[in-house]
Amino acid sequence: MKFQVNDVVRDPPPANGFDLVHARFVLEHVADPRSVISRLAGALRPGGVLVLEDSAGLALEVSPSTRVVERLVPAWEEAGHAVGWNPNYGGQLMPDLRMTRLQDLKGRQYRQLAPGGPSWTHIDRGIRRLEDNLVEQGMPSRS
């Protein structure tokens, strides 16, 4: 089995093609996801499989809810946009895939429910990454 790391925005697809191309939480971070989808599809051998996964929005449901939690998701999404991230791109993924030459398109949405602890590491990292932007929007600082 052979693996190759590729910059999907700059690197040309390999000439020999792949049986499988997988990108998870990538398209939501690029300026032109349709172009990247075309590049990824172009990296496939005939009959190859393209697997793409991206966020379709943030949802934090905490019971009982608090004012800070209720303000966090819209502030997080706005902060993400400020650094070039589209946390809702997954909702546009299937329409963008339909514009390709690919056949047998399938998609599904699912939500991951995590009770906290290690399962919430990605939330913690996201808050840390966007903390300055969140504070600019009036969210309380972690310090």
Protein backbone atom coordinates (compact mmCIF):
# COMPACT_ATOMS: atom_id res chain seq x y z
CA MET A 1 0.00 0.00 0.00
CA LYS A 2 1.36 3.41 -0.98
CA PHE A 3 0.45 6.75 0.61
CA GLN A 4 1.28 10.25 -0.55
CA VAL A 5 0.83 13.60 1.15
CA ASN A 6 -0.16 16.38 -1.25
CA ASP A 7 -0.90 20.11 -0.93
CA VAL A 8 -4.36 20.10 -2.50
CA VAL A 9 -4.20 23.80 -3.34
CA ARG A 10 -0.74 23.92 -4.99
CA ASP A 11 0.57 20.47 -5.92
CA PRO A 12 -0.52 18.87 -9.20
CA PRO A 13 -2.24 15.50 -8.88
CA PRO A 14 0.11 12.55 -9.43
CA ALA A 15 0.22 11.19 -12.99
CA ASN A 16 -0.43 7.57 -12.04
CA GLY A 17 -3.59 8.18 -9.99
CA PHE A 18 -4.89 6.64 -6.79
CA ASP A 19 -7.48 4.02 -5.92
CA LEU A 20 -8.54 6.13 -2.92
CA VAL A 21 -8.26 9.85 -2.15
CA HIS A 22 -9.42 10.93 1.31
CA ALA A 23 -9.63 14.45 2.76
CA ARG A 24 -11.17 15.11 6.17
CA PHE A 25 -11.91 18.64 7.39
CA VAL A 26 -9.82 20.12 4.57
CA LEU A 27 -12.24 21.80 2.16
CA GLU A 28 -13.70 24.02 4.88
CA HIS A 29 -10.24 25.61 5.24
CA VAL A 30 -9.53 26.48 1.60
CA ALA A 31 -10.64 29.55 -0.33
CA ASP A 32 -11.89 27.64 -3.40
CA PRO A 33 -13.20 24.20 -2.38
CA ARG A 34 -14.69 23.47 -5.84
CA SER A 35 -11.27 23.78 -7.42
CA VAL A 36 -9.78 21.46 -4.80
CA ILE A 37 -12.55 18.90 -5.36
CA SER A 38 -11.68 18.91 -9.08
CA ARG A 39 -8.01 18.39 -8.27
CA LEU A 40 -8.81 15.54 -5.88
CA ALA A 41 -11.12 13.89 -8.40
CA GLY A 42 -8.38 14.26 -11.03
CA ALA A 43 -6.01 12.30 -8.78
CA LEU A 44 -8.19 9.17 -9.03
CA ARG A 45 -7.63 6.18 -11.27
CA PRO A 46 -10.70 5.07 -13.22
CA GLY A 47 -12.99 3.38 -10.70
CA GLY A 48 -11.24 5.09 -7.78
CA VAL A 49 -13.03 6.36 -4.70
CA LEU A 50 -13.05 9.92 -3.35
CA VAL A 51 -13.99 10.28 0.33
CA LEU A 52 -14.54 13.83 1.61
CA GLU A 53 -15.63 14.83 5.13
CA ASP A 54 -16.27 18.39 6.31
CA SER A 55 -18.20 20.25 9.01
CA ALA A 56 -21.80 21.20 8.34
CA GLY A 57 -21.97 23.70 11.19
CA LEU A 58 -21.29 23.74 14.87
CA ALA A 59 -23.75 22.66 17.49
CA LEU A 60 -23.09 22.68 21.21
CA GLU A 61 -26.01 21.56 23.30
CA VAL A 62 -25.39 21.94 26.99
CA SER A 63 -28.09 21.36 29.57
CA PRO A 64 -28.77 23.59 31.30
CA SER A 65 -27.61 26.12 28.73
CA THR A 66 -25.84 29.30 29.71
CA ARG A 67 -25.59 32.70 28.05
CA VAL A 68 -21.91 32.12 27.24
CA VAL A 69 -22.61 28.76 25.55
CA GLU A 70 -25.51 30.26 23.57
CA ARG A 71 -23.20 33.03 22.29
CA LEU A 72 -20.24 30.72 21.65
CA VAL A 73 -21.33 28.97 18.43
CA PRO A 74 -22.19 32.13 16.43
CA ALA A 75 -19.04 33.84 17.75
CA TRP A 76 -16.95 30.76 16.91
CA GLU A 77 -18.32 30.63 13.37
CA GLU A 78 -17.65 34.36 12.89
CA ALA A 79 -14.11 33.99 14.26
CA GLY A 80 -13.58 31.05 11.92
CA HIS A 81 -14.63 33.12 8.92
CA ALA A 82 -12.14 35.81 10.01
CA VAL A 83 -9.27 33.31 9.63
CA GLY A 84 -10.56 31.73 6.38
CA TRP A 85 -12.48 28.78 7.79
CA ASN A 86 -16.05 27.97 6.69
CA PRO A 87 -17.49 25.80 9.48
CA ASN A 88 -20.64 25.23 7.41
CA TYR A 89 -19.00 24.09 4.15
CA GLY A 90 -20.09 20.47 4.62
CA GLY A 91 -23.65 21.57 3.82
CA GLN A 92 -22.43 22.68 0.37
CA LEU A 93 -20.29 19.61 -0.29
CA MET A 94 -22.86 17.46 -2.14
CA PRO A 95 -23.98 20.27 -4.49
CA ASP A 96 -20.31 20.96 -5.29
CA LEU A 97 -19.65 17.26 -5.89
CA ARG A 98 -22.59 17.13 -8.31
CA MET A 99 -20.68 19.60 -10.50
CA THR A 100 -17.88 17.05 -11.10
CA ARG A 101 -17.62 14.12 -13.52
CA LEU A 102 -17.84 11.70 -10.59
CA GLN A 103 -20.44 8.92 -10.60
CA ASP A 104 -22.39 7.19 -7.83
CA LEU A 105 -22.31 10.10 -5.40
CA LYS A 106 -23.42 9.38 -1.86
CA GLY A 107 -23.50 11.57 1.18
CA ARG A 108 -24.74 11.57 4.71
CA GLN A 109 -24.74 13.89 7.66
CA TYR A 110 -24.15 12.75 11.17
CA ARG A 111 -23.55 14.40 14.48
CA GLN A 112 -21.01 13.29 16.96
CA LEU A 113 -22.24 13.59 20.50
CA ALA A 114 -19.47 13.74 23.05
CA PRO A 115 -20.00 13.90 26.80
CA GLY A 116 -16.81 15.89 27.38
CA GLY A 117 -13.32 14.90 28.42
CA PRO A 118 -10.99 13.67 25.67
CA SER A 119 -13.87 13.59 23.18
CA TRP A 120 -13.99 17.40 23.33
CA THR A 121 -10.31 17.95 22.55
CA HIS A 122 -11.19 19.36 19.11
CA ILE A 123 -13.52 21.94 20.72
CA ASP A 124 -10.77 23.01 23.11
CA ARG A 125 -8.24 23.32 20.28
CA GLY A 126 -10.69 25.34 18.19
CA ILE A 127 -11.37 27.74 21.05
CA ARG A 128 -7.64 28.18 21.67
CA ARG A 129 -6.98 28.79 17.96
CA LEU A 130 -9.73 31.40 17.68
CA GLU A 131 -9.50 32.89 21.17
CA ASP A 132 -8.32 36.35 20.09
CA ASN A 133 -11.14 36.63 17.54
CA LEU A 134 -13.68 35.37 20.09
CA VAL A 135 -12.57 37.95 22.67
CA GLU A 136 -12.88 40.68 20.01
CA GLN A 137 -16.54 39.63 19.66
CA GLY A 138 -17.14 40.01 23.37
CA MET A 139 -16.64 36.45 24.51
CA PRO A 140 -14.87 36.11 27.87
CA SER A 141 -11.17 35.27 27.81
CA ARG A 142 -10.03 31.91 29.18
CA SER A 143 -7.35 33.60 31.29
